[in-house]
Amino acid sequence: MTAHDLSVRGELTADGSLFHGYHPRMQAVHDANAARLAAVMEKHGWPGESRVGRDGAEAAWLIAQHAIGQPAVQRAALAALWEATGRGDAPALQAAMLEDRILVFEGRPQRYGTQFDWDATGELSPLPIEDPGGVDERRQRLGLEPLEHDLIQRRRAVTEGQERPPADWHARQREMEAWLRAVGWRGSGHSGR
C-alpha cells in the first residue's frame, strides 16, 4: 500500500500536479489505504512493530498520516498509536506527528512543530504552535532537532524541489478551509487526543 502511495506521489510530483490542491488520484490512493488500515485496526489494533516488524509499522504510520480525507480513521489511528507508544510498540515521534497533523486540521495549534505550510509572504513556515517557547523541549523529548534547524532544512529542500508557494495564498486558504469543513475536520467538535 505504501509503495503504491509513494509511486503515485512520485508521478504527481514529477509533473508538478501534486502541488495544486488535493489531486484526485492521490486522494483515491489515500482513501483506499485508509479503509484497509481501519479494517486492520478494528480487527487487530494498531499494527505495531511487535506484530508487523519495523517496516510494516512504519508503513501503517505513513498510511495513517496520509489519510487526510478520513478524520475518523486518523483520530482512531492516533488513539491506537499513542497506546502502542505507551507499550513500546511504536515510536513516540510517529504519534506526535499524527497528533500535530490532526490538531492543525481541526484548526488548533500543533504541539511539536512538525506541520509546515506556505505563509502569506510566500515562505514555508511552521503552522501555529501551542506554547512556542516550549516547543524545542517537547521536540527534544522525541529526538527531534530544534525547530529552527528543521525550518532551515525544509526551506532548503523546497528551493531545490518543484513545490512553490501558491499564486494566490488567500484563495488557497479559502479552498483549504472549505475542504476541511467538507470532509469533517472543522465544525465536528472532536479533539485530537
Protein backbone atom coordinates (compact mmCIF):
# COMPACT_ATOMS: atom_id res chain seq x y z
CA MET A 1 0.00 0.00 0.00
CA THR A 2 2.75 2.47 0.85
CA ALA A 3 4.73 1.55 -2.25
CA HIS A 4 1.67 2.43 -4.36
CA ASP A 5 1.15 5.65 -2.36
CA LEU A 6 4.76 6.73 -2.89
CA SER A 7 4.72 5.71 -6.56
CA VAL A 8 1.66 7.83 -7.32
CA ARG A 9 3.11 10.67 -5.25
CA GLY A 10 6.33 10.45 -7.27
CA GLU A 11 4.46 10.60 -10.59
CA LEU A 12 2.39 13.60 -9.48
CA THR A 13 5.45 15.34 -8.07
CA ALA A 14 7.37 14.82 -11.32
CA ASP A 15 4.70 16.51 -13.42
CA GLY A 16 4.04 19.19 -10.76
CA SER A 17 0.34 18.37 -10.37
CA LEU A 18 0.72 17.20 -6.75
CA PHE A 19 1.11 20.80 -5.60
CA HIS A 20 -2.20 22.12 -6.96
CA GLY A 21 -4.80 21.06 -4.41
CA TYR A 22 -5.55 17.51 -3.34
CA HIS A 23 -5.05 15.55 -6.54
CA PRO A 24 -7.92 13.08 -7.17
CA ARG A 25 -5.51 10.20 -7.89
CA MET A 26 -3.66 10.82 -4.64
CA GLN A 27 -6.92 11.09 -2.71
CA ALA A 28 -8.15 7.78 -4.16
CA VAL A 29 -4.96 6.02 -3.01
CA HIS A 30 -5.16 7.61 0.44
CA ASP A 31 -8.83 6.75 0.88
CA ALA A 32 -8.38 3.12 -0.19
CA ASN A 33 -5.37 2.69 2.09
CA ALA A 34 -7.22 4.36 4.98
CA ALA A 35 -10.14 1.95 4.62
CA ARG A 36 -7.79 -1.01 4.68
CA LEU A 37 -5.89 0.32 7.72
CA ALA A 38 -9.19 0.96 9.52
CA ALA A 39 -10.21 -2.68 8.94
CA VAL A 40 -6.84 -3.90 10.25
CA MET A 41 -7.10 -1.70 13.36
CA GLU A 42 -10.66 -2.83 14.03
CA LYS A 43 -9.65 -6.48 13.89
CA HIS A 44 -6.13 -6.41 15.37
CA GLY A 45 -5.48 -2.98 16.92
CA TRP A 46 -2.52 -0.86 15.87
CA PRO A 47 -0.10 -2.80 13.63
CA GLY A 48 2.91 -2.14 15.84
CA GLU A 49 6.47 -3.34 15.48
CA SER A 50 5.93 -6.47 17.57
CA ARG A 51 3.23 -7.66 15.14
CA VAL A 52 4.37 -6.47 11.74
CA GLY A 53 8.04 -5.52 12.18
CA ARG A 54 9.59 -2.09 11.84
CA ASP A 55 8.87 -1.76 8.09
CA GLY A 56 5.23 -2.79 8.49
CA ALA A 57 4.71 -0.45 11.43
CA GLU A 58 6.33 2.41 9.51
CA ALA A 59 4.02 1.68 6.57
CA ALA A 60 0.96 1.72 8.85
CA TRP A 61 2.00 5.09 10.24
CA LEU A 62 2.54 6.54 6.76
CA ILE A 63 -0.91 5.36 5.70
CA ALA A 64 -2.45 6.94 8.81
CA GLN A 65 -0.51 10.17 8.25
CA HIS A 66 -1.73 10.34 4.64
CA ALA A 67 -5.40 9.55 5.46
CA ILE A 68 -6.14 13.27 5.46
CA GLY A 69 -9.62 12.94 3.97
CA GLN A 70 -10.67 10.45 6.66
CA PRO A 71 -10.86 12.25 10.04
CA ALA A 72 -12.36 9.25 11.87
CA VAL A 73 -9.57 6.96 10.65
CA GLN A 74 -6.85 9.43 11.62
CA ARG A 75 -8.37 10.00 15.06
CA ALA A 76 -8.70 6.24 15.68
CA ALA A 77 -5.15 5.71 14.46
CA LEU A 78 -3.88 8.41 16.80
CA ALA A 79 -5.51 6.81 19.84
CA ALA A 80 -4.19 3.38 18.86
CA LEU A 81 -0.75 4.78 18.07
CA TRP A 82 -0.40 6.55 21.44
CA GLU A 83 -1.46 3.30 23.10
CA ALA A 84 1.20 1.39 21.12
CA THR A 85 3.77 4.04 22.00
CA GLY A 86 2.96 3.57 25.69
CA ARG A 87 3.84 -0.13 25.50
CA GLY A 88 6.97 0.48 23.41
CA ASP A 89 5.46 -0.84 20.18
CA ALA A 90 5.73 2.40 18.15
CA PRO A 91 7.99 5.46 18.20
CA ALA A 92 6.51 8.46 20.02
CA LEU A 93 7.60 10.63 17.10
CA GLN A 94 5.03 8.96 14.85
CA ALA A 95 2.19 9.64 17.29
CA ALA A 96 3.39 13.22 17.79
CA MET A 97 3.46 13.91 14.05
CA LEU A 98 -0.02 12.47 13.58
CA GLU A 99 -1.28 14.45 16.57
CA ASP A 100 0.13 17.67 15.11
CA ARG A 101 -1.50 16.97 11.76
CA ILE A 102 -4.89 16.35 13.39
CA LEU A 103 -4.63 19.45 15.59
CA VAL A 104 -3.82 21.61 12.55
CA PHE A 105 -6.70 20.14 10.54
CA GLU A 106 -9.03 20.82 13.47
CA GLY A 107 -7.89 24.46 13.49
CA ARG A 108 -5.91 24.19 16.72
CA PRO A 109 -2.22 24.89 17.38
CA GLN A 110 0.14 21.95 16.97
CA ARG A 111 2.32 20.81 19.89
CA TYR A 112 5.58 19.65 18.27
CA GLY A 113 6.02 21.92 15.26
CA THR A 114 6.04 19.14 12.68
CA GLN A 115 3.49 20.65 10.29
CA PHE A 116 4.55 23.36 7.84
CA ASP A 117 2.88 25.26 5.02
CA TRP A 118 3.32 28.40 2.95
CA ASP A 119 2.60 31.63 4.81
CA ALA A 120 1.09 34.80 3.34
CA THR A 121 4.56 36.13 2.45
CA GLY A 122 5.45 33.03 0.38
CA GLU A 123 7.75 31.46 2.99
CA LEU A 124 7.47 27.88 4.16
CA SER A 125 6.79 28.20 7.89
CA PRO A 126 5.57 26.11 10.81
CA LEU A 127 1.83 26.30 11.31
CA PRO A 128 0.70 27.80 14.67
CA ILE A 129 2.25 26.15 17.72
CA GLU A 130 0.86 25.79 21.23
CA ASP A 131 3.35 27.23 23.74
CA PRO A 132 6.04 28.14 21.17
CA GLY A 133 8.56 28.74 23.96
CA GLY A 134 8.38 25.07 25.00
CA VAL A 135 8.35 23.51 21.53
CA ASP A 136 12.07 22.70 21.39
CA GLU A 137 11.87 20.92 24.75
CA ARG A 138 8.92 18.83 23.53
CA ARG A 139 10.79 18.14 20.27
CA GLN A 140 13.92 17.10 22.15
CA ARG A 141 11.94 14.51 24.14
CA LEU A 142 11.01 12.94 20.78
CA GLY A 143 14.56 13.04 19.47
CA LEU A 144 13.86 15.91 17.08
CA GLU A 145 16.27 18.73 16.36
CA PRO A 146 15.33 22.31 17.36
CA LEU A 147 12.55 23.80 15.26
CA GLU A 148 14.84 26.46 13.76
CA HIS A 149 17.16 23.76 12.34
CA ASP A 150 14.19 21.87 10.90
CA LEU A 151 12.87 25.07 9.33
CA ILE A 152 16.21 25.79 7.61
CA GLN A 153 16.36 22.26 6.18
CA ARG A 154 12.75 22.33 4.97
CA ARG A 155 13.17 25.71 3.29
CA ARG A 156 16.34 24.48 1.59
CA ALA A 157 14.54 21.33 0.40
CA VAL A 158 11.66 23.27 -1.19
CA THR A 159 14.03 25.61 -3.02
CA GLU A 160 15.69 22.52 -4.51
CA GLY A 161 12.36 20.83 -5.34
CA GLN A 162 9.37 21.65 -7.51
CA GLU A 163 6.94 22.88 -4.88
CA ARG A 164 6.33 26.63 -4.89
CA PRO A 165 4.11 28.97 -2.88
CA PRO A 166 0.54 29.25 -4.14
CA ALA A 167 -0.01 32.03 -6.68
CA ASP A 168 -2.98 33.26 -4.61
CA TRP A 169 -2.42 32.45 -0.95
CA HIS A 170 -5.81 33.81 0.17
CA ALA A 171 -7.66 31.70 -2.41
CA ARG A 172 -5.72 28.64 -1.27
CA GLN A 173 -6.68 29.34 2.34
CA ARG A 174 -10.36 29.57 1.37
CA GLU A 175 -10.13 26.32 -0.63
CA MET A 176 -8.41 24.55 2.24
CA GLU A 177 -10.98 25.75 4.77
CA ALA A 178 -13.82 24.58 2.52
CA TRP A 179 -12.16 21.17 2.09
CA LEU A 180 -11.56 20.83 5.85
CA ARG A 181 -15.24 21.50 6.51
CA ALA A 182 -16.43 19.23 3.69
CA VAL A 183 -14.51 16.19 4.94
CA GLY A 184 -15.38 16.82 8.60
CA TRP A 185 -12.24 18.26 10.20
CA ARG A 186 -13.83 21.56 11.13
CA GLY A 187 -17.09 22.06 12.95
CA SER A 188 -17.16 18.45 14.24
CA GLY A 189 -16.39 19.12 17.89
CA HIS A 190 -13.79 16.34 18.07
CA SER A 191 -10.44 16.72 19.76
CA GLY A 192 -7.08 15.17 18.94
CA ARG A 193 -6.19 13.03 21.92
